[in-house]
C-alpha atoms as a PDB file:
ATOM      1  CA  MET A   1      43.537  -1.603 171.338  1.00  0.00           C
ATOM      2  CA  SER A   2      42.652  -1.826 174.816  1.00  0.00           C
ATOM      3  CA  GLU A   3      44.803  -4.766 175.093  1.00  0.00           C
ATOM      4  CA  ILE A   4      47.785  -3.064 173.622  1.00  0.00           C
ATOM      5  CA  VAL A   5      47.404  -0.286 176.183  1.00  0.00           C
ATOM      6  CA  HIS A   6      46.184  -1.994 179.188  1.00  0.00           C
ATOM      7  CA  GLY A   7      47.272  -5.674 178.868  1.00  0.00           C
ATOM      8  CA  LYS A   8      45.514  -9.012 177.814  1.00  0.00           C
ATOM      9  CA  LYS A   9      43.682  -9.518 181.042  1.00  0.00           C
ATOM     10  CA  TYR A  10      41.829  -6.146 180.474  1.00  0.00           C
ATOM     11  CA  GLY A  11      41.351  -6.656 176.661  1.00  0.00           C
ATOM     12  CA  ASP A  12      39.579 -10.053 177.486  1.00  0.00           C
ATOM     13  CA  GLU A  13      37.451  -8.226 179.976  1.00  0.00           C
ATOM     14  CA  ILE A  14      36.538  -5.578 177.319  1.00  0.00           C
ATOM     15  CA  ARG A  15      35.616  -8.242 174.677  1.00  0.00           C
ATOM     16  CA  LYS A  16      32.901  -9.744 177.079  1.00  0.00           C
ATOM     17  CA  ILE A  17      30.721  -6.412 176.687  1.00  0.00           C
ATOM     18  CA  PRO A  18      28.277  -7.160 173.987  1.00  0.00           C
ATOM     19  CA  LEU A  19      28.042  -4.452 171.334  1.00  0.00           C
ATOM     20  CA  SER A  20      25.456  -4.225 168.543  1.00  0.00           C
ATOM     21  CA  ASN A  21      26.103  -2.917 165.002  1.00  0.00           C
ATOM     22  CA  ASP A  22      23.538  -0.088 165.854  1.00  0.00           C
ATOM     23  CA  THR A  23      25.536   0.830 168.997  1.00  0.00           C
ATOM     24  CA  VAL A  24      28.695   0.904 167.058  1.00  0.00           C
ATOM     25  CA  ALA A  25      27.203   2.963 164.219  1.00  0.00           C
ATOM     26  CA  ARG A  26      25.522   5.388 166.759  1.00  0.00           C
ATOM     27  CA  ARG A  27      28.527   5.916 168.632  1.00  0.00           C
ATOM     28  CA  ILE A  28      30.677   6.862 165.639  1.00  0.00           C
ATOM     29  CA  ALA A  29      28.071   9.232 164.345  1.00  0.00           C
ATOM     30  CA  GLU A  30      27.773  11.055 167.787  1.00  0.00           C
ATOM     31  CA  ILE A  31      31.571  11.162 167.835  1.00  0.00           C
ATOM     32  CA  SER A  32      31.657  12.427 164.236  1.00  0.00           C
ATOM     33  CA  ASP A  33      28.792  15.046 165.310  1.00  0.00           C
ATOM     34  CA  ASP A  34      30.944  16.184 168.402  1.00  0.00           C
ATOM     35  CA  GLN A  35      33.899  16.660 166.311  1.00  0.00           C
ATOM     36  CA  LEU A  36      32.243  18.831 163.996  1.00  0.00           C
ATOM     37  CA  GLN A  37      30.725  20.928 166.469  1.00  0.00           C
ATOM     38  CA  GLN A  38      34.231  21.400 168.241  1.00  0.00           C
ATOM     39  CA  LEU A  39      35.614  22.418 165.035  1.00  0.00           C
ATOM     40  CA  ILE A  40      32.924  24.999 164.464  1.00  0.00           C
ATOM     41  CA  THR A  41      33.224  26.406 168.061  1.00  0.00           C
ATOM     42  CA  ARG A  42      37.043  26.756 167.356  1.00  0.00           C
ATOM     43  CA  LEU A  43      36.519  28.409 164.119  1.00  0.00           C
ATOM     44  CA  LYS A  44      34.335  31.086 165.756  1.00  0.00           C
ATOM     45  CA  LYS A  45      36.708  31.777 168.272  1.00  0.00           C
ATOM     46  CA  SER A  46      39.776  31.910 166.120  1.00  0.00           C
ATOM     47  CA  GLN A  47      41.294  35.237 165.012  1.00  0.00           C
ATOM     48  CA  LYS A  48      42.050  33.962 161.631  1.00  0.00           C
ATOM     49  CA  PHE A  49      41.350  30.868 159.610  1.00  0.00           C
ATOM     50  CA  ALA A  50      41.767  29.113 156.155  1.00  0.00           C
ATOM     51  CA  ILE A  51      40.078  26.428 154.671  1.00  0.00           C
ATOM     52  CA  GLN A  52      41.292  23.969 151.775  1.00  0.00           C
ATOM     53  CA  LEU A  53      39.198  21.471 150.128  1.00  0.00           C
ATOM     54  CA  ASP A  54      40.543  18.952 147.398  1.00  0.00           C
ATOM     55  CA  GLU A  55      38.281  16.336 145.600  1.00  0.00           C
ATOM     56  CA  THR A  56      39.727  13.323 143.721  1.00  0.00           C
ATOM     57  CA  THR A  57      38.595  10.349 142.133  1.00  0.00           C
ATOM     58  CA  ASP A  58      40.918   7.238 141.957  1.00  0.00           C
ATOM     59  CA  VAL A  59      41.141   4.483 139.162  1.00  0.00           C
ATOM     60  CA  SER A  60      38.075   2.488 140.652  1.00  0.00           C
ATOM     61  CA  LYS A  61      35.892   5.588 140.333  1.00  0.00           C
ATOM     62  CA  MET A  62      35.764   6.068 144.136  1.00  0.00           C
ATOM     63  CA  HIS A  63      35.258   9.626 144.993  1.00  0.00           C
ATOM     64  CA  SER A  64      37.324  11.054 147.982  1.00  0.00           C
ATOM     65  CA  CYS A  65      37.492  14.417 149.660  1.00  0.00           C
ATOM     66  CA  TYR A  66      40.287  15.951 151.790  1.00  0.00           C
ATOM     67  CA  PHE A  67      39.624  18.837 153.772  1.00  0.00           C
ATOM     68  CA  THR A  68      42.185  20.892 155.718  1.00  0.00           C
ATOM     69  CA  CYS A  69      41.402  23.752 158.161  1.00  0.00           C
ATOM     70  CA  GLY A  70      44.088  26.003 159.759  1.00  0.00           C
ATOM     71  CA  MET A  71      43.250  28.536 162.445  1.00  0.00           C
ATOM     72  CA  TYR A  72      45.031  30.779 164.861  1.00  0.00           C
ATOM     73  CA  MET A  73      44.144  30.668 168.635  1.00  0.00           C
ATOM     74  CA  LYS A  74      46.139  32.382 171.172  1.00  0.00           C
ATOM     75  CA  LYS A  75      48.692  33.265 168.619  1.00  0.00           C
ATOM     76  CA  THR A  76      49.231  29.428 167.852  1.00  0.00           C
ATOM     77  CA  LEU A  77      48.468  27.844 164.449  1.00  0.00           C
ATOM     78  CA  LYS A  78      46.125  24.740 164.912  1.00  0.00           C
ATOM     79  CA  LYS A  79      45.592  22.531 161.961  1.00  0.00           C
ATOM     80  CA  ASN A  80      42.795  19.959 161.451  1.00  0.00           C
ATOM     81  CA  CYS A  81      42.716  17.645 158.478  1.00  0.00           C
ATOM     82  CA  PHE A  82      39.810  15.382 157.432  1.00  0.00           C
ATOM     83  CA  PHE A  83      39.660  12.583 154.961  1.00  0.00           C
ATOM     84  CA  VAL A  84      36.225  11.284 153.676  1.00  0.00           C
ATOM     85  CA  ASP A  85      35.216   8.765 151.064  1.00  0.00           C
ATOM     86  CA  LEU A  86      32.170   9.832 149.194  1.00  0.00           C
END
């Protein structure tokens, strides 16, 4: 992604940085937790909100969950969508 945005030279420099699977997994978990905390904070500050949840199972017996949250903040509708494989 960095190569697309910044060019091949920058992309090559980024590839030189060693990242272990633990580091990547930890960062993904931290980002996920941060997004959840931001959503909770916005919900608490919003004037009104609505939540929709849909669970489904596909033909391979894989469960998925789709979560939509809409809220009014400063007279503007904000919408957040999440998709999770269970």
